[in-house]
């Protein structure tokens, strides 16, 4: 008997994963988007976002049923290794890691409606990197302030 494929995680499931996995994650939801940071006062900078509305995205065609974009801020090395060589990406393709349509220069990647396997194998480790990078940055800044 073959196993049926797992359903794609939706924005609520991904939000639950992030907030359950990272107890220090702060989430703000506005205008068809969720922003994940480690700062409950300023809500900035973010380490990941989920967008499900064309209001903030003009190229991904997020108005299609069930389509949303997960975006993740990475190190330059990880960004370059994963998507740095992609030229002229199709920002409407589902389940493919791409440079972010607006923030690639800041080393952000994006993926539309990741499958369950892509979420588990690709997105989860990238979320860990993004969260841990921001947490380390915050710790360095706090240590510098305390000197």
N, C-alpha and C. Protein backbone atom coordinates (compact mmCIF):
# COMPACT_ATOMS: atom_id res chain seq x y z
N UNK A 1 0.84 -1.17 0.00
CA UNK A 1 0.00 0.00 0.00
C UNK A 1 0.89 1.23 0.00
N UNK A 2 0.66 2.16 -0.91
CA UNK A 2 1.47 3.36 -0.98
C UNK A 2 0.92 4.42 -0.03
N UNK A 3 1.84 5.23 0.49
CA UNK A 3 1.44 6.29 1.39
C UNK A 3 0.90 7.46 0.58
N UNK A 4 -0.16 8.08 1.08
CA UNK A 4 -0.67 9.27 0.40
C UNK A 4 0.23 10.44 0.75
N UNK A 5 0.40 11.36 -0.19
CA UNK A 5 1.28 12.50 0.08
C UNK A 5 0.69 13.37 1.19
N UNK A 6 1.59 13.95 1.98
CA UNK A 6 1.15 14.85 3.03
C UNK A 6 0.63 16.14 2.40
N UNK A 7 -0.38 16.75 3.02
CA UNK A 7 -0.88 18.02 2.48
C UNK A 7 0.16 19.12 2.64
N UNK A 8 0.10 20.09 1.74
CA UNK A 8 0.99 21.25 1.85
C UNK A 8 0.68 21.99 3.14
N UNK A 9 1.70 22.43 3.84
CA UNK A 9 1.42 23.28 4.99
C UNK A 9 0.87 24.62 4.51
N UNK A 10 -0.09 25.16 5.24
CA UNK A 10 -0.63 26.47 4.88
C UNK A 10 0.00 27.53 5.78
N UNK A 11 -0.30 28.81 5.55
CA UNK A 11 0.32 29.86 6.38
C UNK A 11 0.08 29.66 7.87
N UNK A 12 -1.10 29.20 8.27
CA UNK A 12 -1.36 28.98 9.70
C UNK A 12 -0.47 27.87 10.26
N UNK A 13 -0.31 26.79 9.52
CA UNK A 13 0.55 25.69 9.97
C UNK A 13 2.00 26.12 10.07
N UNK A 14 2.46 26.92 9.12
CA UNK A 14 3.85 27.40 9.15
C UNK A 14 4.04 28.37 10.31
N UNK A 15 3.07 29.24 10.52
CA UNK A 15 3.13 30.16 11.66
C UNK A 15 3.19 29.37 12.96
N UNK A 16 2.36 28.35 13.08
CA UNK A 16 2.38 27.52 14.29
C UNK A 16 3.73 26.83 14.46
N UNK A 17 4.29 26.33 13.36
CA UNK A 17 5.61 25.70 13.44
C UNK A 17 6.64 26.70 13.97
N UNK A 18 6.67 27.89 13.40
CA UNK A 18 7.68 28.89 13.80
C UNK A 18 7.50 29.28 15.26
N UNK A 19 6.27 29.59 15.67
CA UNK A 19 6.06 30.06 17.04
C UNK A 19 6.22 28.95 18.07
N UNK A 20 5.99 27.71 17.67
CA UNK A 20 6.20 26.58 18.58
C UNK A 20 7.68 26.23 18.68
N UNK A 21 8.35 26.26 17.56
CA UNK A 21 9.78 25.90 17.53
C UNK A 21 10.65 26.98 18.16
N UNK A 22 10.29 28.22 17.94
CA UNK A 22 11.09 29.35 18.42
C UNK A 22 10.25 30.16 19.39
N UNK A 23 10.37 29.83 20.68
CA UNK A 23 9.55 30.49 21.70
C UNK A 23 9.80 32.00 21.76
N UNK A 24 10.97 32.44 21.31
CA UNK A 24 11.29 33.87 21.33
C UNK A 24 10.78 34.60 20.08
N UNK A 25 10.15 33.89 19.18
CA UNK A 25 9.66 34.53 17.94
C UNK A 25 8.45 35.41 18.24
N UNK A 26 8.49 36.59 17.69
CA UNK A 26 7.38 37.54 17.76
C UNK A 26 6.75 37.56 16.38
N UNK A 27 5.43 37.49 16.31
CA UNK A 27 4.75 37.52 15.02
C UNK A 27 3.76 38.68 14.99
N UNK A 28 3.81 39.42 13.92
CA UNK A 28 2.86 40.50 13.66
C UNK A 28 2.20 40.20 12.33
N UNK A 29 0.87 40.22 12.31
CA UNK A 29 0.13 39.95 11.09
C UNK A 29 -0.61 41.22 10.67
N UNK A 30 -0.30 41.69 9.45
CA UNK A 30 -0.98 42.87 8.90
C UNK A 30 -1.04 42.75 7.39
N UNK A 31 -2.10 43.27 6.80
CA UNK A 31 -2.22 43.39 5.35
C UNK A 31 -1.85 42.13 4.57
N UNK A 32 -2.37 40.99 4.97
CA UNK A 32 -2.12 39.76 4.22
C UNK A 32 -0.73 39.21 4.36
N UNK A 33 -0.08 39.52 5.49
CA UNK A 33 1.29 39.05 5.70
C UNK A 33 1.57 38.85 7.18
N UNK A 34 2.45 37.91 7.48
CA UNK A 34 2.92 37.68 8.85
C UNK A 34 4.42 37.92 8.85
N UNK A 35 4.88 38.66 9.84
CA UNK A 35 6.29 39.03 9.96
C UNK A 35 6.83 38.44 11.26
N UNK A 36 7.94 37.72 11.17
CA UNK A 36 8.53 37.03 12.32
C UNK A 36 9.84 37.70 12.70
N UNK A 37 9.89 38.19 13.93
CA UNK A 37 11.09 38.84 14.44
C UNK A 37 11.40 38.28 15.82
N UNK A 38 12.40 38.85 16.46
CA UNK A 38 12.75 38.48 17.83
C UNK A 38 12.62 39.68 18.75
N UNK A 39 11.89 40.70 18.32
CA UNK A 39 11.75 41.93 19.07
C UNK A 39 10.27 42.24 19.26
N UNK A 40 9.76 42.00 20.45
CA UNK A 40 8.33 42.20 20.73
C UNK A 40 7.94 43.67 20.81
N UNK A 41 8.93 44.57 20.87
CA UNK A 41 8.62 46.00 20.91
C UNK A 41 8.61 46.63 19.53
N UNK A 42 9.69 46.43 18.78
CA UNK A 42 9.83 47.06 17.46
C UNK A 42 9.38 46.14 16.33
N UNK A 43 9.36 44.84 16.59
CA UNK A 43 8.99 43.83 15.58
C UNK A 43 9.90 43.88 14.36
N UNK A 44 11.17 44.22 14.59
CA UNK A 44 12.13 44.37 13.50
C UNK A 44 13.52 44.12 14.05
N UNK A 45 14.45 43.58 13.29
CA UNK A 45 14.27 43.06 11.93
C UNK A 45 13.57 41.70 11.94
N UNK A 46 13.15 41.30 10.78
CA UNK A 46 12.48 40.01 10.63
C UNK A 46 13.49 38.95 10.20
N UNK A 47 13.17 37.71 10.56
CA UNK A 47 13.98 36.59 10.04
C UNK A 47 13.20 35.79 9.01
N UNK A 48 11.87 35.97 9.00
CA UNK A 48 11.03 35.28 8.01
C UNK A 48 9.71 36.04 7.86
N UNK A 49 9.06 35.84 6.73
CA UNK A 49 7.73 36.40 6.50
C UNK A 49 6.90 35.38 5.72
N UNK A 50 5.60 35.53 5.85
CA UNK A 50 4.66 34.78 5.01
C UNK A 50 3.70 35.81 4.44
N UNK A 51 3.53 35.80 3.13
CA UNK A 51 2.65 36.75 2.46
C UNK A 51 1.62 35.97 1.66
N UNK A 52 0.35 36.34 1.80
CA UNK A 52 -0.71 35.63 1.07
C UNK A 52 -1.64 36.59 0.35
N UNK A 53 -1.17 37.80 0.11
CA UNK A 53 -1.99 38.81 -0.56
C UNK A 53 -1.17 39.54 -1.61
N UNK A 54 -1.81 39.87 -2.71
CA UNK A 54 -1.14 40.65 -3.75
C UNK A 54 -0.90 42.10 -3.34
N UNK A 55 -1.45 42.52 -2.19
CA UNK A 55 -1.28 43.91 -1.76
C UNK A 55 0.19 44.26 -1.56
N UNK A 56 0.99 43.31 -1.11
CA UNK A 56 2.40 43.59 -0.88
C UNK A 56 3.31 42.88 -1.89
N UNK A 57 2.74 42.22 -2.86
CA UNK A 57 3.52 41.46 -3.83
C UNK A 57 2.86 41.60 -5.20
N UNK A 58 3.58 42.12 -6.14
CA UNK A 58 3.03 42.34 -7.48
C UNK A 58 3.52 41.33 -8.51
N UNK A 59 4.42 40.42 -8.14
CA UNK A 59 5.00 39.52 -9.14
C UNK A 59 4.72 38.05 -8.94
N UNK A 60 4.28 37.65 -7.75
CA UNK A 60 4.11 36.23 -7.46
C UNK A 60 2.72 35.69 -7.72
N UNK A 61 1.80 36.56 -8.07
CA UNK A 61 0.41 36.16 -8.33
C UNK A 61 -0.17 35.39 -7.14
N UNK A 62 -0.11 36.02 -5.99
CA UNK A 62 -0.58 35.39 -4.76
C UNK A 62 -2.10 35.31 -4.67
N UNK A 63 -2.79 35.90 -5.61
CA UNK A 63 -4.26 35.82 -5.60
C UNK A 63 -4.76 34.47 -6.08
N UNK A 64 -3.88 33.62 -6.56
CA UNK A 64 -4.28 32.27 -6.94
C UNK A 64 -4.69 31.49 -5.70
N UNK A 65 -5.71 30.64 -5.80
CA UNK A 65 -6.16 29.89 -4.62
C UNK A 65 -5.04 29.07 -3.99
N UNK A 66 -4.88 29.25 -2.67
CA UNK A 66 -3.91 28.47 -1.92
C UNK A 66 -2.46 28.88 -2.09
N UNK A 67 -2.19 29.96 -2.79
CA UNK A 67 -0.81 30.37 -3.04
C UNK A 67 -0.38 31.43 -2.03
N UNK A 68 0.78 31.23 -1.45
CA UNK A 68 1.39 32.16 -0.51
C UNK A 68 2.90 32.06 -0.66
N UNK A 69 3.59 33.06 -0.13
CA UNK A 69 5.05 33.07 -0.24
C UNK A 69 5.68 33.06 1.15
N UNK A 70 6.61 32.15 1.36
CA UNK A 70 7.44 32.14 2.55
C UNK A 70 8.77 32.76 2.16
N UNK A 71 9.21 33.75 2.94
CA UNK A 71 10.49 34.42 2.67
C UNK A 71 11.37 34.30 3.91
N UNK A 72 12.68 34.11 3.65
CA UNK A 72 13.61 33.82 4.74
C UNK A 72 14.91 34.58 4.47
N UNK A 73 15.42 35.26 5.51
CA UNK A 73 16.69 35.96 5.42
C UNK A 73 17.85 35.05 5.78
N UNK A 74 18.83 34.96 4.90
CA UNK A 74 19.93 34.01 5.07
C UNK A 74 21.29 34.70 5.06
N UNK A 75 22.31 33.93 5.36
CA UNK A 75 23.68 34.41 5.20
C UNK A 75 23.98 34.54 3.71
N UNK A 76 24.96 35.34 3.41
CA UNK A 76 25.37 35.48 2.00
C UNK A 76 25.81 34.14 1.43
N UNK A 77 26.57 33.37 2.22
CA UNK A 77 27.07 32.08 1.73
C UNK A 77 25.93 31.12 1.41
N UNK A 78 24.95 31.04 2.29
CA UNK A 78 23.82 30.14 2.04
C UNK A 78 23.01 30.63 0.85
N UNK A 79 22.74 31.91 0.80
CA UNK A 79 22.01 32.48 -0.33
C UNK A 79 22.72 32.15 -1.64
N UNK A 80 24.02 32.43 -1.70
CA UNK A 80 24.78 32.19 -2.93
C UNK A 80 24.76 30.70 -3.31
N UNK A 81 24.92 29.82 -2.32
CA UNK A 81 24.94 28.39 -2.59
C UNK A 81 23.60 27.90 -3.14
N UNK A 82 22.51 28.41 -2.60
CA UNK A 82 21.19 27.89 -2.97
C UNK A 82 20.58 28.56 -4.19
N UNK A 83 20.70 29.87 -4.30
CA UNK A 83 19.98 30.56 -5.37
C UNK A 83 20.81 31.63 -6.07
N UNK A 84 22.05 31.78 -5.67
CA UNK A 84 22.87 32.86 -6.22
C UNK A 84 23.08 32.80 -7.71
N UNK A 85 23.01 31.63 -8.30
CA UNK A 85 23.25 31.52 -9.75
C UNK A 85 21.97 31.60 -10.58
N UNK A 86 20.82 31.74 -9.95
CA UNK A 86 19.56 31.79 -10.69
C UNK A 86 19.42 33.15 -11.37
N UNK A 87 19.23 33.11 -12.67
CA UNK A 87 19.06 34.33 -13.45
C UNK A 87 17.63 34.36 -13.99
N UNK A 88 16.99 35.50 -13.88
CA UNK A 88 15.64 35.70 -14.42
C UNK A 88 14.64 34.65 -13.93
N UNK A 89 14.45 34.54 -12.62
CA UNK A 89 13.55 33.52 -12.08
C UNK A 89 12.08 33.80 -12.41
N UNK A 90 11.32 32.74 -12.47
CA UNK A 90 9.86 32.84 -12.61
C UNK A 90 9.29 32.88 -11.20
N UNK A 91 8.91 34.05 -10.74
CA UNK A 91 8.44 34.23 -9.38
C UNK A 91 7.05 33.68 -9.13
N UNK A 92 6.44 33.06 -10.14
CA UNK A 92 5.10 32.48 -9.97
C UNK A 92 5.14 30.96 -9.80
N UNK A 93 6.28 30.35 -9.92
CA UNK A 93 6.39 28.89 -9.83
C UNK A 93 6.25 28.45 -8.37
N UNK A 94 5.54 27.36 -8.17
CA UNK A 94 5.31 26.84 -6.82
C UNK A 94 6.42 25.88 -6.41
N UNK A 95 6.66 25.81 -5.10
CA UNK A 95 7.51 24.79 -4.50
C UNK A 95 8.94 24.80 -5.03
N UNK A 96 9.46 26.00 -5.29
CA UNK A 96 10.85 26.11 -5.75
C UNK A 96 11.51 27.28 -5.04
N UNK A 97 12.64 27.03 -4.44
CA UNK A 97 13.37 28.08 -3.75
C UNK A 97 13.99 29.02 -4.77
N UNK A 98 13.74 30.32 -4.59
CA UNK A 98 14.21 31.35 -5.51
C UNK A 98 14.76 32.55 -4.73
N UNK A 99 15.52 33.40 -5.41
CA UNK A 99 15.86 34.68 -4.77
C UNK A 99 14.55 35.45 -4.53
N UNK A 100 14.48 36.20 -3.46
CA UNK A 100 13.29 36.99 -3.17
C UNK A 100 13.10 38.03 -4.28
N UNK A 101 11.87 38.27 -4.73
CA UNK A 101 11.67 39.22 -5.83
C UNK A 101 12.05 40.66 -5.48
N UNK A 102 12.02 41.03 -4.21
CA UNK A 102 12.38 42.40 -3.82
C UNK A 102 13.63 42.49 -2.96
N UNK A 103 13.91 41.47 -2.17
CA UNK A 103 14.98 41.55 -1.17
C UNK A 103 16.12 40.57 -1.40
N UNK A 104 16.32 40.14 -2.61
CA UNK A 104 17.44 39.23 -2.90
C UNK A 104 18.78 39.90 -2.57
N UNK A 105 18.88 41.19 -2.78
CA UNK A 105 20.15 41.88 -2.49
C UNK A 105 20.50 41.83 -1.01
N UNK A 106 19.48 41.62 -0.17
CA UNK A 106 19.71 41.48 1.27
C UNK A 106 19.80 39.99 1.67
N UNK A 107 19.93 39.13 0.67
CA UNK A 107 20.11 37.67 0.86
C UNK A 107 18.87 36.98 1.38
N UNK A 108 17.72 37.42 0.89
CA UNK A 108 16.46 36.76 1.22
C UNK A 108 16.08 35.82 0.09
N UNK A 109 15.55 34.66 0.46
CA UNK A 109 15.01 33.70 -0.49
C UNK A 109 13.51 33.63 -0.32
N UNK A 110 12.83 33.08 -1.32
CA UNK A 110 11.38 32.96 -1.27
C UNK A 110 10.97 31.63 -1.90
N UNK A 111 9.85 31.13 -1.42
CA UNK A 111 9.28 29.91 -2.00
C UNK A 111 7.77 30.04 -1.91
N UNK A 112 7.11 29.75 -3.03
CA UNK A 112 5.65 29.80 -3.06
C UNK A 112 5.08 28.43 -2.70
N UNK A 113 4.18 28.42 -1.74
CA UNK A 113 3.41 27.23 -1.36
C UNK A 113 4.26 25.96 -1.35
N UNK A 114 5.22 25.87 -0.43
CA UNK A 114 6.07 24.69 -0.41
C UNK A 114 5.28 23.42 -0.10
N UNK A 115 5.69 22.33 -0.74
CA UNK A 115 5.09 21.02 -0.44
C UNK A 115 5.52 20.61 0.96
N UNK A 116 4.89 19.58 1.50
CA UNK A 116 5.25 19.09 2.83
C UNK A 116 6.71 18.64 2.86
N UNK A 117 7.16 17.95 1.81
CA UNK A 117 8.55 17.48 1.81
C UNK A 117 9.53 18.64 1.66
N UNK A 118 9.23 19.61 0.82
CA UNK A 118 10.11 20.76 0.68
C UNK A 118 10.15 21.57 1.97
N UNK A 119 9.00 21.69 2.61
CA UNK A 119 8.98 22.41 3.89
C UNK A 119 9.90 21.71 4.88
N UNK A 120 9.75 20.42 5.04
CA UNK A 120 10.54 19.67 6.01
C UNK A 120 12.02 19.64 5.66
N UNK A 121 12.34 19.41 4.40
CA UNK A 121 13.74 19.21 3.99
C UNK A 121 14.50 20.50 3.70
N UNK A 122 13.79 21.53 3.25
CA UNK A 122 14.46 22.76 2.83
C UNK A 122 14.11 23.95 3.71
N UNK A 123 12.83 24.20 3.89
CA UNK A 123 12.40 25.40 4.61
C UNK A 123 12.76 25.34 6.09
N UNK A 124 12.51 24.22 6.74
CA UNK A 124 12.79 24.11 8.18
C UNK A 124 14.26 24.42 8.50
N UNK A 125 15.23 23.83 7.80
CA UNK A 125 16.63 24.19 8.10
C UNK A 125 16.96 25.66 7.80
N UNK A 126 16.33 26.22 6.78
CA UNK A 126 16.59 27.63 6.47
C UNK A 126 15.97 28.54 7.53
N UNK A 127 14.81 28.19 8.04
CA UNK A 127 14.22 28.95 9.14
C UNK A 127 15.14 28.91 10.36
N UNK A 128 15.73 27.75 10.62
CA UNK A 128 16.66 27.62 11.75
C UNK A 128 17.85 28.54 11.56
N UNK A 129 18.42 28.55 10.35
CA UNK A 129 19.56 29.43 10.09
C UNK A 129 19.16 30.88 10.29
N UNK A 130 18.02 31.28 9.73
CA UNK A 130 17.59 32.67 9.81
C UNK A 130 17.34 33.08 11.26
N UNK A 131 16.65 32.25 11.99
CA UNK A 131 16.38 32.55 13.40
C UNK A 131 17.69 32.65 14.18
N UNK A 132 18.55 31.66 14.03
CA UNK A 132 19.79 31.62 14.79
C UNK A 132 20.72 32.77 14.44
N UNK A 133 20.75 33.17 13.18
CA UNK A 133 21.58 34.31 12.77
C UNK A 133 21.10 35.58 13.46
N UNK A 134 19.77 35.80 13.46
CA UNK A 134 19.22 37.00 14.08
C UNK A 134 19.41 36.96 15.60
N UNK A 135 19.23 35.80 16.21
CA UNK A 135 19.43 35.68 17.66
C UNK A 135 20.89 35.99 18.02
N UNK A 136 21.83 35.48 17.23
CA UNK A 136 23.25 35.74 17.49
C UNK A 136 23.57 37.23 17.31
N UNK A 137 22.98 37.85 16.30
CA UNK A 137 23.19 39.28 16.06
C UNK A 137 22.66 40.09 17.25
N UNK A 138 21.49 39.74 17.73
CA UNK A 138 20.90 40.44 18.88
C UNK A 138 21.78 40.26 20.12
N UNK A 139 22.31 39.05 20.31
CA UNK A 139 23.17 38.80 21.47
C UNK A 139 24.45 39.63 21.38
N UNK A 140 25.04 39.72 20.19
CA UNK A 140 26.25 40.54 20.02
C UNK A 140 25.94 42.01 20.33
N UNK A 141 24.82 42.50 19.84
CA UNK A 141 24.46 43.91 20.09
C UNK A 141 24.19 44.16 21.57
N UNK A 142 23.54 43.22 22.24
CA UNK A 142 23.27 43.36 23.67
C UNK A 142 24.58 43.36 24.46
N UNK A 143 25.52 42.48 24.08
CA UNK A 143 26.80 42.42 24.76
C UNK A 143 27.57 43.73 24.56
N UNK A 144 27.51 44.29 23.38
CA UNK A 144 28.20 45.54 23.10
C UNK A 144 27.59 46.68 23.92
N UNK A 145 26.27 46.68 24.07
CA UNK A 145 25.60 47.72 24.87
C UNK A 145 25.98 47.61 26.35
N UNK A 146 26.19 46.38 26.81
CA UNK A 146 26.49 46.14 28.22
C UNK A 146 27.93 46.46 28.61
N UNK A 147 28.77 46.66 27.63
CA UNK A 147 30.21 46.94 27.92
C UNK A 147 30.40 48.31 28.48
